[in-house]
Structures are given as C-alpha cells and as structure tokens.
PDB file of N, CA and C in Angstrom:
ATOM      1  N   MET A   1    -206.618  26.109 -19.941  1.00  0.00           N
ATOM      2  CA  MET A   1    -205.816  26.934 -18.815  1.00  0.00           C
ATOM      3  C   MET A   1    -206.409  26.675 -17.301  1.00  0.00           C
ATOM      4  N   PHE A   2    -208.082  27.297 -17.502  1.00  0.00           N
ATOM      5  CA  PHE A   2    -208.810  27.106 -16.223  1.00  0.00           C
ATOM      6  C   PHE A   2    -209.434  25.866 -15.731  1.00  0.00           C
ATOM      7  N   SER A   3    -209.503  24.929 -17.002  1.00  0.00           N
ATOM      8  CA  SER A   3    -210.255  23.548 -16.733  1.00  0.00           C
ATOM      9  C   SER A   3    -209.407  22.898 -16.242  1.00  0.00           C
ATOM     10  N   GLN A   4    -207.671  22.852 -16.441  1.00  0.00           N
ATOM     11  CA  GLN A   4    -207.070  22.526 -15.205  1.00  0.00           C
ATOM     12  C   GLN A   4    -206.319  22.553 -14.448  1.00  0.00           C
ATOM     13  N   LEU A   5    -206.972  24.026 -13.892  1.00  0.00           N
ATOM     14  CA  LEU A   5    -206.865  24.527 -12.566  1.00  0.00           C
ATOM     15  C   LEU A   5    -208.088  23.536 -11.738  1.00  0.00           C
ATOM     16  N   GLY A   6    -209.148  23.321 -12.527  1.00  0.00           N
ATOM     17  CA  GLY A   6    -209.859  22.277 -11.838  1.00  0.00           C
ATOM     18  C   GLY A   6    -209.696  21.602 -11.601  1.00  0.00           C
ATOM     19  N   ASN A   7    -209.026  21.031 -12.636  1.00  0.00           N
ATOM     20  CA  ASN A   7    -208.641  19.613 -12.345  1.00  0.00           C
ATOM     21  C   ASN A   7    -207.449  19.031 -11.116  1.00  0.00           C
ATOM     22  N   LEU A   8    -206.701  20.144 -11.197  1.00  0.00           N
ATOM     23  CA  LEU A   8    -205.393  20.373  -9.567  1.00  0.00           C
ATOM     24  C   LEU A   8    -206.360  20.547  -8.327  1.00  0.00           C
ATOM     25  N   ALA A   9    -207.724  21.027  -8.242  1.00  0.00           N
ATOM     26  CA  ALA A   9    -208.348  21.189  -7.291  1.00  0.00           C
ATOM     27  C   ALA A   9    -209.134  19.884  -6.656  1.00  0.00           C
ATOM     28  N   GLU A  10    -209.765  19.264  -7.903  1.00  0.00           N
ATOM     29  CA  GLU A  10    -210.021  18.234  -7.744  1.00  0.00           C
ATOM     30  C   GLU A  10    -209.236  17.245  -7.085  1.00  0.00           C
ATOM     31  N   LEU A  11    -208.105  16.902  -7.863  1.00  0.00           N
ATOM     32  CA  LEU A  11    -206.893  16.341  -7.246  1.00  0.00           C
ATOM     33  C   LEU A  11    -206.681  16.518  -6.036  1.00  0.00           C
ATOM     34  N   MET A  12    -206.417  17.739  -5.628  1.00  0.00           N
ATOM     35  CA  MET A  12    -205.987  17.902  -4.296  1.00  0.00           C
ATOM     36  C   MET A  12    -206.802  17.777  -3.004  1.00  0.00           C
ATOM     37  N   LYS A  13    -208.229  17.840  -3.594  1.00  0.00           N
ATOM     38  CA  LYS A  13    -209.127  17.534  -2.575  1.00  0.00           C
ATOM     39  C   LYS A  13    -209.160  15.857  -2.435  1.00  0.00           C
ATOM     40  N   ASN A  14    -209.199  15.211  -3.481  1.00  0.00           N
ATOM     41  CA  ASN A  14    -209.145  13.800  -3.332  1.00  0.00           C
ATOM     42  C   ASN A  14    -207.638  12.956  -2.626  1.00  0.00           C
ATOM     43  N   ALA A  15    -206.786  13.714  -2.791  1.00  0.00           N
ATOM     44  CA  ALA A  15    -205.625  14.007  -2.180  1.00  0.00           C
ATOM     45  C   ALA A  15    -205.773  13.608  -0.677  1.00  0.00           C
ATOM     46  N   GLY A  16    -206.417  14.727  -0.304  1.00  0.00           N
ATOM     47  CA  GLY A  16    -206.642  14.681   1.381  1.00  0.00           C
ATOM     48  C   GLY A  16    -207.228  13.395   1.667  1.00  0.00           C
ATOM     49  N   LYS A  17    -208.087  13.161   1.070  1.00  0.00           N
ATOM     50  CA  LYS A  17    -209.263  12.052   1.571  1.00  0.00           C
ATOM     51  C   LYS A  17    -208.030  10.602   1.381  1.00  0.00           C
ATOM     52  N   LEU A  18    -207.446  10.600   0.436  1.00  0.00           N
ATOM     53  CA  LEU A  18    -206.110   9.242   0.302  1.00  0.00           C
ATOM     54  C   LEU A  18    -205.724   9.747   1.982  1.00  0.00           C
ATOM     55  N   ARG A  19    -204.810  10.605   1.685  1.00  0.00           N
ATOM     56  CA  ARG A  19    -204.160  10.848   3.183  1.00  0.00           C
ATOM     57  C   ARG A  19    -204.891  10.559   4.547  1.00  0.00           C
ATOM     58  N   GLU A  20    -206.019  11.097   4.604  1.00  0.00           N
ATOM     59  CA  GLU A  20    -206.959  10.146   5.674  1.00  0.00           C
ATOM     60  C   GLU A  20    -206.840   8.773   5.834  1.00  0.00           C
ATOM     61  N   SER A  21    -207.570   8.259   4.690  1.00  0.00           N
ATOM     62  CA  SER A  21    -207.643   6.839   4.262  1.00  0.00           C
ATOM     63  C   SER A  21    -206.122   6.445   5.039  1.00  0.00           C
ATOM     64  N   VAL A  22    -204.871   6.516   4.077  1.00  0.00           N
ATOM     65  CA  VAL A  22    -203.952   5.813   4.471  1.00  0.00           C
ATOM     66  C   VAL A  22    -203.295   6.244   6.165  1.00  0.00           C
ATOM     67  N   ALA A  23    -203.934   6.884   6.591  1.00  0.00           N
ATOM     68  CA  ALA A  23    -203.412   7.346   7.911  1.00  0.00           C
ATOM     69  C   ALA A  23    -204.206   6.465   8.899  1.00  0.00           C
ATOM     70  N   LYS A  24    -205.517   6.010   8.591  1.00  0.00           N
ATOM     71  CA  LYS A  24    -206.456   5.013   9.144  1.00  0.00           C
ATOM     72  C   LYS A  24    -205.858   3.584   9.036  1.00  0.00           C
ATOM     73  N   ALA A  25    -205.470   3.369   7.670  1.00  0.00           N
ATOM     74  CA  ALA A  25    -204.957   1.887   7.370  1.00  0.00           C
ATOM     75  C   ALA A  25    -203.782   1.867   8.329  1.00  0.00           C
ATOM     76  N   THR A  26    -203.272   2.925   8.390  1.00  0.00           N
ATOM     77  CA  THR A  26    -201.857   2.417   8.939  1.00  0.00           C
ATOM     78  C   THR A  26    -201.952   2.799  10.449  1.00  0.00           C
ATOM     79  N   GLU A  27    -202.764   2.858  11.104  1.00  0.00           N
ATOM     80  CA  GLU A  27    -203.416   2.926  12.450  1.00  0.00           C
ATOM     81  C   GLU A  27    -203.319   1.456  12.598  1.00  0.00           C
ATOM     82  N   ALA A  28    -204.767   1.075  11.793  1.00  0.00           N
ATOM     83  CA  ALA A  28    -205.098  -0.503  11.802  1.00  0.00           C
ATOM     84  C   ALA A  28    -203.806  -1.190  11.595  1.00  0.00           C
ATOM     85  N   LEU A  29    -202.966  -1.184  10.920  1.00  0.00           N
ATOM     86  CA  LEU A  29    -202.048  -2.121  10.395  1.00  0.00           C
ATOM     87  C   LEU A  29    -200.813  -2.289  12.313  1.00  0.00           C
ATOM     88  N   GLY A  30    -201.257  -1.347  12.835  1.00  0.00           N
ATOM     89  CA  GLY A  30    -200.307  -1.255  14.126  1.00  0.00           C
ATOM     90  C   GLY A  30    -201.286  -2.617  14.949  1.00  0.00           C
ATOM     91  N   GLN A  31    -202.144  -2.785  14.831  1.00  0.00           N
ATOM     92  CA  GLN A  31    -203.256  -4.409  15.615  1.00  0.00           C
ATOM     93  C   GLN A  31    -202.930  -4.963  14.499  1.00  0.00           C
ATOM     94  N   LEU A  32    -202.699  -5.419  13.611  1.00  0.00           N
ATOM     95  CA  LEU A  32    -202.444  -6.575  13.074  1.00  0.00           C
ATOM     96  C   LEU A  32    -201.061  -6.901  13.316  1.00  0.00           C
ATOM     97  N   GLN A  33    -201.386  -8.620  13.562  1.00  0.00           N
ATOM     98  CA  GLN A  33    -200.157  -9.608  14.330  1.00  0.00           C
ATOM     99  C   GLN A  33    -200.353 -10.738  13.471  1.00  0.00           C
ATOM    100  N   VAL A  34    -199.043 -11.132  12.985  1.00  0.00           N
ATOM    101  CA  VAL A  34    -198.814 -11.958  12.535  1.00  0.00           C
ATOM    102  C   VAL A  34    -197.334 -12.771  13.104  1.00  0.00           C
ATOM    103  N   GLU A  35    -197.576 -14.320  13.155  1.00  0.00           N
ATOM    104  CA  GLU A  35    -196.210 -15.189  13.821  1.00  0.00           C
ATOM    105  C   GLU A  35    -195.261 -15.493  12.614  1.00  0.00           C
ATOM    106  N   GLY A  36    -194.180 -15.328  12.609  1.00  0.00           N
ATOM    107  CA  GLY A  36    -192.772 -16.379  11.994  1.00  0.00           C
ATOM    108  C   GLY A  36    -192.247 -17.202  12.880  1.00  0.00           C
ATOM    109  N   THR A  37    -191.951 -18.479  12.709  1.00  0.00           N
ATOM    110  CA  THR A  37    -191.702 -19.991  13.145  1.00  0.00           C
ATOM    111  C   THR A  37    -190.790 -20.181  12.511  1.00  0.00           C
ATOM    112  N   SER A  38    -189.365 -20.969  13.544  1.00  0.00           N
ATOM    113  CA  SER A  38    -188.464 -21.582  12.606  1.00  0.00           C
ATOM    114  C   SER A  38    -188.278 -22.954  13.949  1.00  0.00           C
ATOM    115  N   GLY A  39    -187.641 -23.493  12.748  1.00  0.00           N
ATOM    116  CA  GLY A  39    -187.248 -24.951  14.481  1.00  0.00           C
ATOM    117  C   GLY A  39    -188.534 -25.778  14.588  1.00  0.00           C
ATOM    118  N   GLY A  40    -189.251 -25.967  13.415  1.00  0.00           N
ATOM    119  CA  GLY A  40    -190.682 -26.688  13.676  1.00  0.00           C
ATOM    120  C   GLY A  40    -191.286 -25.818  14.755  1.00  0.00           C
ATOM    121  N   GLY A  41    -191.340 -24.845  15.368  1.00  0.00           N
ATOM    122  CA  GLY A  41    -192.044 -24.067  16.309  1.00  0.00           C
ATOM    123  C   GLY A  41    -190.985 -23.885  17.245  1.00  0.00           C
ATOM    124  N   ALA A  42    -189.518 -24.436  17.746  1.00  0.00           N
ATOM    125  CA  ALA A  42    -189.295 -23.633  18.760  1.00  0.00           C
ATOM    126  C   ALA A  42    -188.855 -22.388  19.069  1.00  0.00           C
ATOM    127  N   VAL A  43    -188.790 -21.474  17.294  1.00  0.00           N
ATOM    128  CA  VAL A  43    -188.779 -20.178  18.052  1.00  0.00           C
ATOM    129  C   VAL A  43    -189.866 -19.705  17.148  1.00  0.00           C
ATOM    130  N   THR A  44    -190.731 -18.671  17.835  1.00  0.00           N
ATOM    131  CA  THR A  44    -191.863 -17.991  17.324  1.00  0.00           C
ATOM    132  C   THR A  44    -191.365 -16.348  17.463  1.00  0.00           C
ATOM    133  N   ALA A  45    -191.359 -15.518  16.228  1.00  0.00           N
ATOM    134  CA  ALA A  45    -191.133 -13.779  16.428  1.00  0.00           C
ATOM    135  C   ALA A  45    -193.048 -13.683  15.616  1.00  0.00           C
ATOM    136  N   LYS A  46    -193.527 -12.378  16.533  1.00  0.00           N
ATOM    137  CA  LYS A  46    -194.701 -12.142  16.603  1.00  0.00           C
ATOM    138  C   LYS A  46    -194.299 -10.439  16.150  1.00  0.00           C
ATOM    139  N   VAL A  47    -194.477 -10.292  14.483  1.00  0.00           N
ATOM    140  CA  VAL A  47    -194.622  -8.865  14.228  1.00  0.00           C
ATOM    141  C   VAL A  47    -195.869  -8.157  13.741  1.00  0.00           C
ATOM    142  N   ASN A  48    -196.108  -7.089  14.103  1.00  0.00           N
ATOM    143  CA  ASN A  48    -197.136  -6.227  13.793  1.00  0.00           C
ATOM    144  C   ASN A  48    -197.324  -6.096  12.264  1.00  0.00           C
ATOM    145  N   GLY A  49    -198.256  -5.379  11.554  1.00  0.00           N
ATOM    146  CA  GLY A  49    -198.484  -4.957  10.217  1.00  0.00           C
ATOM    147  C   GLY A  49    -197.079  -3.668  10.328  1.00  0.00           C
ATOM    148  N   ARG A  50    -197.165  -2.698  11.237  1.00  0.00           N
ATOM    149  CA  ARG A  50    -196.244  -1.745  10.649  1.00  0.00           C
ATOM    150  C   ARG A  50    -194.339  -2.706  11.104  1.00  0.00           C
ATOM    151  N   LEU A  51    -194.210  -3.542  10.708  1.00  0.00           N
ATOM    152  CA  LEU A  51    -193.110  -4.170  10.527  1.00  0.00           C
ATOM    153  C   LEU A  51    -192.297  -3.992  11.921  1.00  0.00           C
ATOM    154  N   GLU A  52    -192.878  -4.163  13.052  1.00  0.00           N
ATOM    155  CA  GLU A  52    -192.333  -4.040  14.427  1.00  0.00           C
ATOM    156  C   GLU A  52    -192.430  -5.467  15.015  1.00  0.00           C
ATOM    157  N   VAL A  53    -191.202  -6.063  15.472  1.00  0.00           N
ATOM    158  CA  VAL A  53    -191.267  -6.954  15.988  1.00  0.00           C
ATOM    159  C   VAL A  53    -191.707  -6.943  17.460  1.00  0.00           C
ATOM    160  N   VAL A  54    -193.019  -7.689  17.786  1.00  0.00           N
ATOM    161  CA  VAL A  54    -193.817  -7.564  18.838  1.00  0.00           C
ATOM    162  C   VAL A  54    -193.135  -8.030  20.111  1.00  0.00           C
ATOM    163  N   SER A  55    -193.066  -9.593  19.809  1.00  0.00           N
ATOM    164  CA  SER A  55    -192.309 -10.621  20.375  1.00  0.00           C
ATOM    165  C   SER A  55    -191.881 -11.638  20.401  1.00  0.00           C
ATOM    166  N   ILE A  56    -190.623 -12.230  20.927  1.00  0.00           N
ATOM    167  CA  ILE A  56    -190.220 -13.402  20.510  1.00  0.00           C
ATOM    168  C   ILE A  56    -190.360 -15.003  21.620  1.00  0.00           C
ATOM    169  N   ARG A  57    -190.820 -15.701  21.146  1.00  0.00           N
ATOM    170  CA  ARG A  57    -190.867 -16.866  22.068  1.00  0.00           C
ATOM    171  C   ARG A  57    -189.466 -17.809  21.918  1.00  0.00           C
ATOM    172  N   ILE A  58    -188.997 -18.540  22.553  1.00  0.00           N
ATOM    173  CA  ILE A  58    -187.677 -19.314  22.377  1.00  0.00           C
ATOM    174  C   ILE A  58    -188.282 -20.451  23.381  1.00  0.00           C
ATOM    175  N   ASP A  59    -188.410 -21.546  22.675  1.00  0.00           N
ATOM    176  CA  ASP A  59    -188.528 -23.078  23.765  1.00  0.00           C
ATOM    177  C   ASP A  59    -187.137 -23.193  24.574  1.00  0.00           C
ATOM    178  N   PRO A  60    -187.894 -23.476  25.849  1.00  0.00           N
ATOM    179  CA  PRO A  60    -186.303 -23.065  26.615  1.00  0.00           C
ATOM    180  C   PRO A  60    -185.556 -24.648  26.562  1.00  0.00           C
ATOM    181  N   LYS A  61    -185.678 -25.354  26.008  1.00  0.00           N
ATOM    182  CA  LYS A  61    -184.684 -26.340  25.207  1.00  0.00           C
ATOM    183  C   LYS A  61    -183.447 -26.290  24.664  1.00  0.00           C
ATOM    184  N   LEU A  62    -184.098 -25.272  23.607  1.00  0.00           N
ATOM    185  CA  LEU A  62    -183.129 -24.243  23.102  1.00  0.00           C
ATOM    186  C   LEU A  62    -182.111 -23.747  23.779  1.00  0.00           C
ATOM    187  N   VAL A  63    -182.554 -22.995  24.686  1.00  0.00           N
ATOM    188  CA  VAL A  63    -181.624 -22.338  25.467  1.00  0.00           C
ATOM    189  C   VAL A  63    -180.428 -23.435  26.113  1.00  0.00           C
ATOM    190  N   SER A  64    -181.379 -24.304  26.989  1.00  0.00           N
ATOM    191  CA  SER A  64    -180.320 -25.374  27.783  1.00  0.00           C
ATOM    192  C   SER A  64    -179.703 -25.680  27.106  1.00  0.00           C
ATOM    193  N   ASP A  65    -180.054 -26.298  25.662  1.00  0.00           N
ATOM    194  CA  ASP A  65    -178.618 -27.177  24.182  1.00  0.00           C
ATOM    195  C   ASP A  65    -177.617 -26.091  24.627  1.00  0.00           C
ATOM    196  N   GLY A  66    -177.649 -24.762  24.775  1.00  0.00           N
ATOM    197  CA  GLY A  66    -176.209 -24.064  24.558  1.00  0.00           C
ATOM    198  C   GLY A  66    -175.511 -23.947  22.953  1.00  0.00           C
ATOM    199  N   ASP A  67    -176.282 -24.565  22.555  1.00  0.00           N
ATOM    200  CA  ASP A  67    -175.900 -23.686  21.307  1.00  0.00           C
ATOM    201  C   ASP A  67    -176.449 -22.605  20.407  1.00  0.00           C
ATOM    202  N   THR A  68    -175.364 -21.343  20.687  1.00  0.00           N
ATOM    203  CA  THR A  68    -175.759 -20.320  20.724  1.00  0.00           C
ATOM    204  C   THR A  68    -175.781 -19.901  18.801  1.00  0.00           C
ATOM    205  N   GLU A  69    -175.480 -20.403  18.373  1.00  0.00           N
ATOM    206  CA  GLU A  69    -175.295 -20.454  16.576  1.00  0.00           C
ATOM    207  C   GLU A  69    -176.655 -20.656  16.081  1.00  0.00           C
ATOM    208  N   LEU A  70    -177.319 -22.097  16.752  1.00  0.00           N
ATOM    209  CA  LEU A  70    -178.536 -22.541  16.393  1.00  0.00           C
ATOM    210  C   LEU A  70    -179.346 -21.700  16.952  1.00  0.00           C
ATOM    211  N   LEU A  71    -179.654 -20.928  18.122  1.00  0.00           N
ATOM    212  CA  LEU A  71    -180.513 -20.298  18.355  1.00  0.00           C
ATOM    213  C   LEU A  71    -180.239 -18.776  17.525  1.00  0.00           C
ATOM    214  N   GLU A  72    -179.371 -18.169  17.150  1.00  0.00           N
ATOM    215  CA  GLU A  72    -178.938 -17.297  16.524  1.00  0.00           C
ATOM    216  C   GLU A  72    -179.838 -17.035  15.314  1.00  0.00           C
ATOM    217  N   ASP A  73    -179.160 -18.273  14.332  1.00  0.00           N
ATOM    218  CA  ASP A  73    -180.174 -18.769  13.272  1.00  0.00           C
ATOM    219  C   ASP A  73    -181.487 -19.021  13.341  1.00  0.00           C
ATOM    220  N   LEU A  74    -181.912 -19.824  14.137  1.00  0.00           N
ATOM    221  CA  LEU A  74    -183.592 -19.919  14.138  1.00  0.00           C
ATOM    222  C   LEU A  74    -184.157 -18.765  14.511  1.00  0.00           C
ATOM    223  N   VAL A  75    -183.287 -17.537  15.258  1.00  0.00           N
ATOM    224  CA  VAL A  75    -184.296 -16.631  15.772  1.00  0.00           C
ATOM    225  C   VAL A  75    -184.380 -15.665  14.340  1.00  0.00           C
ATOM    226  N   THR A  76    -183.225 -15.377  13.694  1.00  0.00           N
ATOM    227  CA  THR A  76    -183.225 -14.739  12.718  1.00  0.00           C
ATOM    228  C   THR A  76    -184.453 -15.001  11.910  1.00  0.00           C
ATOM    229  N   ALA A  77    -184.378 -16.573  11.174  1.00  0.00           N
ATOM    230  CA  ALA A  77    -185.081 -16.822  10.792  1.00  0.00           C
ATOM    231  C   ALA A  77    -186.822 -16.336  10.830  1.00  0.00           C
ATOM    232  N   ALA A  78    -187.259 -17.071  12.236  1.00  0.00           N
ATOM    233  CA  ALA A  78    -188.174 -16.661  12.605  1.00  0.00           C
ATOM    234  C   ALA A  78    -188.747 -15.187  12.354  1.00  0.00           C
ATOM    235  N   VAL A  79    -187.631 -14.142  12.536  1.00  0.00           N
ATOM    236  CA  VAL A  79    -188.025 -12.978  12.440  1.00  0.00           C
ATOM    237  C   VAL A  79    -188.019 -12.648  10.851  1.00  0.00           C
ATOM    238  N   ASN A  80    -187.306 -12.902  10.220  1.00  0.00           N
ATOM    239  CA  ASN A  80    -187.703 -12.978   8.938  1.00  0.00           C
ATOM    240  C   ASN A  80    -189.280 -13.488   8.062  1.00  0.00           C
ATOM    241  N   ALA A  81    -189.465 -14.930   8.663  1.00  0.00           N
ATOM    242  CA  ALA A  81    -190.621 -15.419   8.175  1.00  0.00           C
ATOM    243  C   ALA A  81    -191.950 -14.241   9.120  1.00  0.00           C
ATOM    244  N   GLY A  82    -191.537 -13.625   9.841  1.00  0.00           N
ATOM    245  CA  GLY A  82    -192.444 -12.433  10.001  1.00  0.00           C
ATOM    246  C   GLY A  82    -192.967 -11.526   9.697  1.00  0.00           C
ATOM    247  N   LEU A  83    -191.618 -11.031   9.406  1.00  0.00           N
ATOM    248  CA  LEU A  83    -191.540  -9.890   8.673  1.00  0.00           C
ATOM    249  C   LEU A  83    -192.016 -10.108   7.476  1.00  0.00           C
ATOM    250  N   THR A  84    -191.909 -11.005   6.776  1.00  0.00           N
ATOM    251  CA  THR A  84    -192.420 -11.546   5.426  1.00  0.00           C
ATOM    252  C   THR A  84    -193.805 -11.526   5.280  1.00  0.00           C
ATOM    253  N   LYS A  85    -194.350 -11.764   6.324  1.00  0.00           N
ATOM    254  CA  LYS A  85    -195.837 -12.265   6.556  1.00  0.00           C
ATOM    255  C   LYS A  85    -196.670 -10.840   6.908  1.00  0.00           C
ATOM    256  N   ALA A  86    -195.855 -10.230   7.813  1.00  0.00           N
ATOM    257  CA  ALA A  86    -196.899  -9.024   7.896  1.00  0.00           C
ATOM    258  C   ALA A  86    -196.831  -7.962   6.784  1.00  0.00           C
ATOM    259  N   ARG A  87    -195.232  -7.812   5.914  1.00  0.00           N
ATOM    260  CA  ARG A  87    -195.423  -7.029   4.865  1.00  0.00           C
ATOM    261  C   ARG A  87    -196.418  -8.016   3.908  1.00  0.00           C
ATOM    262  N   ASP A  88    -196.425  -8.966   3.554  1.00  0.00           N
ATOM    263  CA  ASP A  88    -197.546  -9.451   2.675  1.00  0.00           C
ATOM    264  C   ASP A  88    -199.119  -9.238   2.957  1.00  0.00           C
ATOM    265  N   THR A  89    -199.219  -9.262   4.183  1.00  0.00           N
ATOM    266  CA  THR A  89    -200.517  -8.592   4.945  1.00  0.00           C
ATOM    267  C   THR A  89    -200.829  -6.979   4.749  1.00  0.00           C
ATOM    268  N   ALA A  90    -199.887  -6.630   5.460  1.00  0.00           N
ATOM    269  CA  ALA A  90    -200.122  -5.324   5.135  1.00  0.00           C
ATOM    270  C   ALA A  90    -200.716  -4.843   3.497  1.00  0.00           C
ATOM    271  N   ALA A  91    -199.895  -5.220   2.629  1.00  0.00           N
ATOM    272  CA  ALA A  91    -200.008  -5.133   1.134  1.00  0.00           C
ATOM    273  C   ALA A  91    -201.100  -5.503   0.910  1.00  0.00           C
ATOM    274  N   GLN A  92    -201.706  -6.590   1.222  1.00  0.00           N
ATOM    275  CA  GLN A  92    -202.944  -7.277   0.764  1.00  0.00           C
ATOM    276  C   GLN A  92    -204.044  -5.906   1.143  1.00  0.00           C
ATOM    277  N   SER A  93    -203.710  -5.806   2.807  1.00  0.00           N
ATOM    278  CA  SER A  93    -204.817  -4.884   3.128  1.00  0.00           C
ATOM    279  C   SER A  93    -204.647  -3.226   2.483  1.00  0.00           C
ATOM    280  N   LEU A  94    -203.676  -3.029   2.211  1.00  0.00           N
ATOM    281  CA  LEU A  94    -203.553  -1.415   1.808  1.00  0.00           C
ATOM    282  C   LEU A  94    -203.958  -1.134  -0.043  1.00  0.00           C
ATOM    283  N   ALA A  95    -203.855  -2.957  -0.534  1.00  0.00           N
ATOM    284  CA  ALA A  95    -204.030  -2.375  -1.848  1.00  0.00           C
ATOM    285  C   ALA A  95    -205.276  -2.204  -3.020  1.00  0.00           C
ATOM    286  N   SER A  96    -206.198  -2.542  -1.592  1.00  0.00           N
ATOM    287  CA  SER A  96    -207.585  -1.396  -2.153  1.00  0.00           C
ATOM    288  C   SER A  96    -207.474  -0.003  -2.144  1.00  0.00           C
ATOM    289  N   LEU A  97    -206.685   0.299  -1.020  1.00  0.00           N
ATOM    290  CA  LEU A  97    -206.411   2.220  -1.370  1.00  0.00           C
ATOM    291  C   LEU A  97    -205.706   2.727  -2.407  1.00  0.00           C
ATOM    292  N   ALA A  98    -204.793   2.302  -3.282  1.00  0.00           N
ATOM    293  CA  ALA A  98    -203.935   1.973  -4.123  1.00  0.00           C
ATOM    294  C   ALA A  98    -204.570   2.815  -5.328  1.00  0.00           C
ATOM    295  N   GLY A  99    -205.512   2.349  -5.605  1.00  0.00           N
ATOM    296  CA  GLY A  99    -206.276   2.969  -6.803  1.00  0.00           C
ATOM    297  C   GLY A  99    -205.754   3.151  -8.260  1.00  0.00           C
ATOM    298  N   GLY A 100    -204.430   2.087  -8.640  1.00  0.00           N
ATOM    299  CA  GLY A 100    -203.902   2.767  -9.754  1.00  0.00           C
ATOM    300  C   GLY A 100    -202.523   3.379  -9.508  1.00  0.00           C
ATOM    301  N   MET A 101    -201.967   3.693  -8.209  1.00  0.00           N
ATOM    302  CA  MET A 101    -200.759   4.052  -7.728  1.00  0.00           C
ATOM    303  C   MET A 101    -200.152   3.048  -7.747  1.00  0.00           C
ATOM    304  N   PRO A 102    -198.887   3.297  -7.466  1.00  0.00           N
ATOM    305  CA  PRO A 102    -197.894   2.278  -6.918  1.00  0.00           C
ATOM    306  C   PRO A 102    -198.110   2.152  -4.987  1.00  0.00           C
ATOM    307  N   LEU A 103    -197.596   0.684  -5.211  1.00  0.00           N
ATOM    308  CA  LEU A 103    -198.224   0.423  -3.828  1.00  0.00           C
ATOM    309  C   LEU A 103    -197.269   1.447  -2.907  1.00  0.00           C
ATOM    310  N   GLY A 104    -196.148   1.620  -3.376  1.00  0.00           N
ATOM    311  CA  GLY A 104    -194.902   1.967  -2.439  1.00  0.00           C
ATOM    312  C   GLY A 104    -195.218   3.260  -2.082  1.00  0.00           C
ATOM    313  N   PHE A 105    -196.150   3.956  -2.729  1.00  0.00           N
ATOM    314  CA  PHE A 105    -196.288   5.087  -2.305  1.00  0.00           C
ATOM    315  C   PHE A 105    -197.244   5.325  -1.521  1.00  0.00           C
ATOM    316  N   LEU A 106    -198.245   4.307  -1.291  1.00  0.00           N
ATOM    317  CA  LEU A 106    -199.023   4.347  -0.044  1.00  0.00           C
ATOM    318  C   LEU A 106    -198.456   3.627   0.907  1.00  0.00           C
ATOM    319  N   MET A 107    -197.453   2.708   0.960  1.00  0.00           N
ATOM    320  CA  MET A 107    -197.192   2.156   1.984  1.00  0.00           C
ATOM    321  C   MET A 107    -195.942   2.371   2.493  1.00  0.00           C
ATOM    322  N   GLY A 108    -195.178   3.548   2.383  1.00  0.00           N
ATOM    323  CA  GLY A 108    -194.147   4.619   3.087  1.00  0.00           C
ATOM    324  C   GLY A 108    -193.460   3.398   3.310  1.00  0.00           C
ATOM    325  N   GLY A 109    -192.367   2.376   2.256  1.00  0.00           N
ATOM    326  CA  GLY A 109    -191.903   1.580   2.427  1.00  0.00           C
ATOM    327  C   GLY A 109    -191.647   0.339   3.005  1.00  0.00           C
ATOM    328  N   LEU A 110    -192.777  -0.147   2.914  1.00  0.00           N
ATOM    329  CA  LEU A 110    -193.405  -1.590   3.483  1.00  0.00           C
ATOM    330  C   LEU A 110    -193.268  -2.496   2.068  1.00  0.00           C
ATOM    331  N   ASP A 111    -193.515  -1.652   1.003  1.00  0.00           N
ATOM    332  CA  ASP A 111    -193.181  -2.706  -0.196  1.00  0.00           C
ATOM    333  C   ASP A 111    -191.784  -2.709  -0.771  1.00  0.00           C
ATOM    334  N   PRO A 112    -191.009  -3.770  -0.652  1.00  0.00           N
ATOM    335  CA  PRO A 112    -189.790  -4.156  -1.218  1.00  0.00           C
ATOM    336  C   PRO A 112    -189.371  -3.883  -2.458  1.00  0.00           C
ATOM    337  N   GLY A 113    -190.081  -3.553  -3.248  1.00  0.00           N
ATOM    338  CA  GLY A 113    -190.259  -3.385  -4.804  1.00  0.00           C
ATOM    339  C   GLY A 113    -190.131  -2.080  -4.921  1.00  0.00           C
ATOM    340  N   SER A 114    -190.467  -1.042  -4.096  1.00  0.00           N
ATOM    341  CA  SER A 114    -190.739   0.032  -4.440  1.00  0.00           C
ATOM    342  C   SER A 114    -189.790   1.107  -3.987  1.00  0.00           C
ATOM    343  N   PRO A 115    -189.441   2.440  -4.806  1.00  0.00           N
ATOM    344  CA  PRO A 115    -188.130   2.786  -4.408  1.00  0.00           C
ATOM    345  C   PRO A 115    -188.011   3.429  -2.741  1.00  0.00           C
ATOM    346  N   ALA A 116    -189.450   3.591  -2.158  1.00  0.00           N
ATOM    347  CA  ALA A 116    -189.625   3.848  -0.605  1.00  0.00           C
ATOM    348  C   ALA A 116    -189.196   2.835  -0.099  1.00  0.00           C
ATOM    349  N   GLY A 117    -189.490   1.546  -0.513  1.00  0.00           N
ATOM    350  CA  GLY A 117    -189.096   0.616   0.459  1.00  0.00           C
ATOM    351  C   GLY A 117    -187.802   0.213   0.221  1.00  0.00           C
ATOM    352  N   ARG A 118    -186.672   0.688  -0.753  1.00  0.00           N
ATOM    353  CA  ARG A 118    -185.116   0.255  -0.558  1.00  0.00           C
ATOM    354  C   ARG A 118    -184.600   1.099   0.118  1.00  0.00           C
ATOM    355  N   PRO A 119    -183.427   0.571   0.673  1.00  0.00           N
ATOM    356  CA  PRO A 119    -182.831   1.270   2.179  1.00  0.00           C
ATOM    357  C   PRO A 119    -181.801   2.149   1.277  1.00  0.00           C
TER     358      PRO A 119
END
C-alpha cells in the first residue's frame, strides 16, 4: 500500500511538470501562424496555432465582381484550409509532449478525433 502512495506522489510531481510544459506549448501556439488559401490564392485566411483566425485577405477583383455566393464559398474554404493546417501543425508540435497519453488530453480540443475535440 505504501509503495502505491510513492507512485502516486511521483505521478503528481510529473503532472505539474507536464502542465507547465503544456502551458508553454500553448503560449507558443499563439505565435504559430499558417495560411489557407482558396480560389487560386484569391482568398487567404491566416490562422494561429490556437485555431483563431488572425486575418482574411480577399482579392479586390472578387469583391468588384459582385458574386457574393462565390466569395462566401471561397472564404469558407480558405478558413477551413487554414484551420486544418493549424490543427496539424499544432498536433505535430505537441506530439512530443504526449509521452504515450492521448493527444486530445494535451491539446484541450485541438484534436478532432479526441473526446475533447468533439462539440
């Protein structure tokens, strides 16, 4: 019984270090930025590693054409492409911290395959 208490204490000690590492990694993810494009580069969405849209750039020709449905589709596609790239990049950067644990545990919802990543 007492040996199990020692294991529990060691686990708790390592959990604090893991939390600290995850906090630093999460902060770094805010600095990471990727771009998703659509329409041959006519629309660009910049997304950070925390899956926040940082900016959207739209070629002025698309706006002057007046085809709002096309523009909406291209913005949606660019944002989704940016989110996919950001999610993949974030997963790669946090994978080294996982140490055998499910990646969703560390990513707090960035892994769409994890229970934390599902709405």
